[in-house]
Amino acid sequence: KMQLHNVKVSAKLQAPSQKSVALPDSRAERGATTTRQNPATVLSTGENLDMVVQSTLTETGQYTLRVMVEYRDHPTLQPQGGGGGGGEGAPDSSAASEPRSLRKFYRFKVGAPIDVTTEAKVVNGVAFVQVQLKNVTP
């Protein structure tokens, strides 16, 4: 069985006019029972690590959700043998414990959900204001 070690899932959201901000895991806020802590010390074959994020989108334009998974495919290994530099052909145990990561970027556009049109007229000294709201979501 393959095991991954020190597995961590994280997410950041970048709004059109702001730097990216880290999004916390909101599973507990949404009433979910968290079966596995993030980061997970060990993740065996067939196991999963979940994360739920949420954010209020306050402006229109292009957003980027950045999801990153960090892990090690082997636990940190200790150097073998007593003294001496190993020599040629000795396995490099440090390469197996190097941290690895996967990154995925999700870009999406946020538009205004409501189009507001106003018109004002004065007729015989009386002011009339017309406001039209139109749902422009696809």
C-alpha atoms as a PDB file:
ATOM      1  CA  LYS A   1       0.000   0.000   0.000  1.00  0.00           C
ATOM      2  CA  MET A   2       1.203   3.464  -0.891  1.00  0.00           C
ATOM      3  CA  GLN A   3       1.073   6.058   1.868  1.00  0.00           C
ATOM      4  CA  LEU A   4       1.418   9.816   1.633  1.00  0.00           C
ATOM      5  CA  HIS A   5       2.716  11.717   4.637  1.00  0.00           C
ATOM      6  CA  ASN A   6       2.129  15.236   5.955  1.00  0.00           C
ATOM      7  CA  VAL A   7      -0.687  15.867   3.461  1.00  0.00           C
ATOM      8  CA  LYS A   8      -2.104  19.382   3.520  1.00  0.00           C
ATOM      9  CA  VAL A   9      -4.809  20.970   1.362  1.00  0.00           C
ATOM     10  CA  SER A  10      -5.022  24.765   1.200  1.00  0.00           C
ATOM     11  CA  ALA A  11      -6.885  27.343  -0.870  1.00  0.00           C
ATOM     12  CA  LYS A  12      -6.458  31.024  -1.684  1.00  0.00           C
ATOM     13  CA  LEU A  13      -8.798  33.397  -3.485  1.00  0.00           C
ATOM     14  CA  GLN A  14      -7.617  36.376  -5.472  1.00  0.00           C
ATOM     15  CA  ALA A  15     -10.210  39.051  -6.258  1.00  0.00           C
ATOM     16  CA  PRO A  16      -9.801  41.433  -9.223  1.00  0.00           C
ATOM     17  CA  SER A  17      -8.360  44.321  -7.191  1.00  0.00           C
ATOM     18  CA  GLN A  18      -6.903  42.527  -4.155  1.00  0.00           C
ATOM     19  CA  LYS A  19      -4.023  40.255  -3.266  1.00  0.00           C
ATOM     20  CA  SER A  20      -4.870  36.619  -2.663  1.00  0.00           C
ATOM     21  CA  VAL A  21      -6.163  35.697   0.771  1.00  0.00           C
ATOM     22  CA  ALA A  22      -6.076  32.288   2.428  1.00  0.00           C
ATOM     23  CA  LEU A  23      -9.467  30.641   2.801  1.00  0.00           C
ATOM     24  CA  PRO A  24     -10.005  28.653   5.999  1.00  0.00           C
ATOM     25  CA  ASP A  25     -11.577  25.212   5.996  1.00  0.00           C
ATOM     26  CA  SER A  26     -15.265  25.811   6.737  1.00  0.00           C
ATOM     27  CA  ARG A  27     -16.490  22.210   7.089  1.00  0.00           C
ATOM     28  CA  ALA A  28     -17.318  22.672  10.776  1.00  0.00           C
ATOM     29  CA  GLU A  29     -19.154  25.991  10.160  1.00  0.00           C
ATOM     30  CA  ARG A  30     -21.372  24.274   7.607  1.00  0.00           C
ATOM     31  CA  GLY A  31     -22.283  21.505  10.049  1.00  0.00           C
ATOM     32  CA  ALA A  32     -20.116  18.798   8.507  1.00  0.00           C
ATOM     33  CA  THR A  33     -18.428  16.261  10.682  1.00  0.00           C
ATOM     34  CA  THR A  34     -14.719  16.364  10.008  1.00  0.00           C
ATOM     35  CA  THR A  35     -13.477  12.821   9.799  1.00  0.00           C
ATOM     36  CA  ARG A  36      -9.864  13.715   9.095  1.00  0.00           C
ATOM     37  CA  GLN A  37      -7.815  16.674  10.227  1.00  0.00           C
ATOM     38  CA  ASN A  38      -6.095  18.907   7.668  1.00  0.00           C
ATOM     39  CA  PRO A  39      -3.112  18.449   7.520  1.00  0.00           C
ATOM     40  CA  ALA A  40      -3.194  14.660   7.748  1.00  0.00           C
ATOM     41  CA  THR A  41      -0.159  12.867   9.141  1.00  0.00           C
ATOM     42  CA  VAL A  42      -0.708   9.800   6.932  1.00  0.00           C
ATOM     43  CA  LEU A  43      -3.040   9.252   3.974  1.00  0.00           C
ATOM     44  CA  SER A  44      -3.228   5.633   2.809  1.00  0.00           C
ATOM     45  CA  THR A  45      -4.378   4.302  -0.566  1.00  0.00           C
ATOM     46  CA  GLY A  46      -8.136   4.876  -0.958  1.00  0.00           C
ATOM     47  CA  GLU A  47      -8.377   7.491   1.813  1.00  0.00           C
ATOM     48  CA  ASN A  48      -9.248  11.109   1.132  1.00  0.00           C
ATOM     49  CA  LEU A  49      -8.719  14.526   2.660  1.00  0.00           C
ATOM     50  CA  ASP A  50     -11.530  17.031   2.173  1.00  0.00           C
ATOM     51  CA  MET A  51     -11.703  20.783   2.522  1.00  0.00           C
ATOM     52  CA  VAL A  52     -14.665  23.130   2.054  1.00  0.00           C
ATOM     53  CA  VAL A  53     -14.094  26.852   1.544  1.00  0.00           C
ATOM     54  CA  GLN A  54     -16.459  29.762   1.171  1.00  0.00           C
ATOM     55  CA  SER A  55     -16.089  33.461   0.484  1.00  0.00           C
ATOM     56  CA  THR A  56     -18.344  36.389  -0.267  1.00  0.00           C
ATOM     57  CA  LEU A  57     -17.594  37.796  -3.718  1.00  0.00           C
ATOM     58  CA  THR A  58     -17.770  41.561  -3.288  1.00  0.00           C
ATOM     59  CA  GLU A  59     -16.760  42.838  -6.696  1.00  0.00           C
ATOM     60  CA  THR A  60     -17.226  42.015 -10.334  1.00  0.00           C
ATOM     61  CA  GLY A  61     -14.391  40.813 -12.551  1.00  0.00           C
ATOM     62  CA  GLN A  62     -11.926  37.941 -12.848  1.00  0.00           C
ATOM     63  CA  TYR A  63     -11.293  35.815  -9.730  1.00  0.00           C
ATOM     64  CA  THR A  64      -8.744  33.050  -9.254  1.00  0.00           C
ATOM     65  CA  LEU A  65      -9.166  30.204  -6.785  1.00  0.00           C
ATOM     66  CA  ARG A  66      -5.801  28.561  -6.091  1.00  0.00           C
ATOM     67  CA  VAL A  67      -5.861  25.077  -4.593  1.00  0.00           C
ATOM     68  CA  MET A  68      -2.631  23.482  -3.375  1.00  0.00           C
ATOM     69  CA  VAL A  69      -1.881  20.022  -2.040  1.00  0.00           C
ATOM     70  CA  GLU A  70       1.437  19.483  -0.267  1.00  0.00           C
ATOM     71  CA  TYR A  71       2.744  16.046   0.730  1.00  0.00           C
ATOM     72  CA  ARG A  72       5.703  13.728   1.104  1.00  0.00           C
ATOM     73  CA  ASP A  73       5.623  10.320  -0.540  1.00  0.00           C
ATOM     74  CA  HIS A  74       7.805   8.828   2.209  1.00  0.00           C
ATOM     75  CA  PRO A  75       8.362   9.918   5.785  1.00  0.00           C
ATOM     76  CA  THR A  76      11.568  11.769   6.437  1.00  0.00           C
ATOM     77  CA  LEU A  77      14.273   9.134   6.198  1.00  0.00           C
ATOM     78  CA  GLN A  78      17.331   8.978   8.401  1.00  0.00           C
ATOM     79  CA  PRO A  79      20.755   8.600   6.745  1.00  0.00           C
ATOM     80  CA  GLN A  80      21.952   5.000   6.788  1.00  0.00           C
ATOM     81  CA  GLY A  81      25.190   3.514   8.049  1.00  0.00           C
ATOM     82  CA  GLY A  82      27.849   4.684  10.365  1.00  0.00           C
ATOM     83  CA  GLY A  83      29.994   7.507   9.099  1.00  0.00           C
ATOM     84  CA  GLY A  84      31.613   7.647   5.686  1.00  0.00           C
ATOM     85  CA  GLY A  85      30.115   9.352   2.701  1.00  0.00           C
ATOM     86  CA  GLY A  86      28.241   6.430   1.200  1.00  0.00           C
ATOM     87  CA  GLY A  87      30.209   6.319  -2.027  1.00  0.00           C
ATOM     88  CA  GLU A  88      28.941   5.775  -5.560  1.00  0.00           C
ATOM     89  CA  GLY A  89      25.837   3.693  -6.048  1.00  0.00           C
ATOM     90  CA  ALA A  90      24.476   4.370  -2.542  1.00  0.00           C
ATOM     91  CA  PRO A  91      20.767   5.246  -2.568  1.00  0.00           C
ATOM     92  CA  ASP A  92      19.962   8.900  -1.997  1.00  0.00           C
ATOM     93  CA  SER A  93      17.501   8.726   0.902  1.00  0.00           C
ATOM     94  CA  SER A  94      16.948  12.499   0.962  1.00  0.00           C
ATOM     95  CA  ALA A  95      15.264  12.535  -2.480  1.00  0.00           C
ATOM     96  CA  ALA A  96      12.414  10.311  -1.298  1.00  0.00           C
ATOM     97  CA  SER A  97      11.494  12.668   1.536  1.00  0.00           C
ATOM     98  CA  GLU A  98      11.495  15.912  -0.448  1.00  0.00           C
ATOM     99  CA  PRO A  99       8.220  17.805  -0.129  1.00  0.00           C
ATOM    100  CA  ARG A 100       6.018  17.662  -3.216  1.00  0.00           C
ATOM    101  CA  SER A 101       3.085  19.803  -4.246  1.00  0.00           C
ATOM    102  CA  LEU A 102       0.248  20.002  -6.734  1.00  0.00           C
ATOM    103  CA  ARG A 103      -1.335  23.308  -7.698  1.00  0.00           C
ATOM    104  CA  LYS A 104      -4.528  23.945  -9.597  1.00  0.00           C
ATOM    105  CA  PHE A 105      -5.890  27.337 -10.615  1.00  0.00           C
ATOM    106  CA  TYR A 106      -9.600  27.902 -11.223  1.00  0.00           C
ATOM    107  CA  ARG A 107     -10.355  31.191 -12.961  1.00  0.00           C
ATOM    108  CA  PHE A 108     -13.916  32.475 -13.134  1.00  0.00           C
ATOM    109  CA  LYS A 109     -15.623  35.729 -13.963  1.00  0.00           C
ATOM    110  CA  VAL A 110     -18.139  37.355 -11.640  1.00  0.00           C
ATOM    111  CA  GLY A 111     -20.650  39.729 -13.155  1.00  0.00           C
ATOM    112  CA  ALA A 112     -23.313  41.941 -11.657  1.00  0.00           C
ATOM    113  CA  PRO A 113     -26.440  39.825 -11.034  1.00  0.00           C
ATOM    114  CA  ILE A 114     -28.791  42.829 -11.294  1.00  0.00           C
ATOM    115  CA  ASP A 115     -28.804  45.654 -13.829  1.00  0.00           C
ATOM    116  CA  VAL A 116     -30.268  48.858 -12.397  1.00  0.00           C
ATOM    117  CA  THR A 117     -31.606  51.552 -14.728  1.00  0.00           C
ATOM    118  CA  THR A 118     -32.999  54.840 -13.400  1.00  0.00           C
ATOM    119  CA  GLU A 119     -34.874  57.636 -15.103  1.00  0.00           C
ATOM    120  CA  ALA A 120     -36.159  60.880 -13.594  1.00  0.00           C
ATOM    121  CA  LYS A 121     -38.695  63.330 -15.117  1.00  0.00           C
ATOM    122  CA  VAL A 122     -40.482  66.402 -13.927  1.00  0.00           C
ATOM    123  CA  VAL A 123     -44.054  66.777 -15.240  1.00  0.00           C
ATOM    124  CA  ASN A 124     -46.125  69.849 -14.247  1.00  0.00           C
ATOM    125  CA  GLY A 125     -43.825  70.491 -11.298  1.00  0.00           C
ATOM    126  CA  VAL A 126     -44.069  66.903 -10.011  1.00  0.00           C
ATOM    127  CA  ALA A 127     -40.936  64.711  -9.972  1.00  0.00           C
ATOM    128  CA  PHE A 128     -41.256  61.116 -11.147  1.00  0.00           C
ATOM    129  CA  VAL A 129     -38.493  58.562 -10.705  1.00  0.00           C
ATOM    130  CA  GLN A 130     -38.514  55.221 -12.464  1.00  0.00           C
ATOM    131  CA  VAL A 131     -36.188  52.430 -11.366  1.00  0.00           C
ATOM    132  CA  GLN A 132     -35.935  49.246 -13.395  1.00  0.00           C
ATOM    133  CA  LEU A 133     -34.267  46.139 -11.951  1.00  0.00           C
ATOM    134  CA  LYS A 134     -33.342  43.386 -14.359  1.00  0.00           C
ATOM    135  CA  ASN A 135     -31.958  39.959 -13.424  1.00  0.00           C
ATOM    136  CA  VAL A 136     -29.004  39.471 -15.789  1.00  0.00           C
ATOM    137  CA  THR A 137     -27.716  36.155 -14.451  1.00  0.00           C
ATOM    138  CA  PRO A 138     -27.330  33.505 -17.149  1.00  0.00           C
END
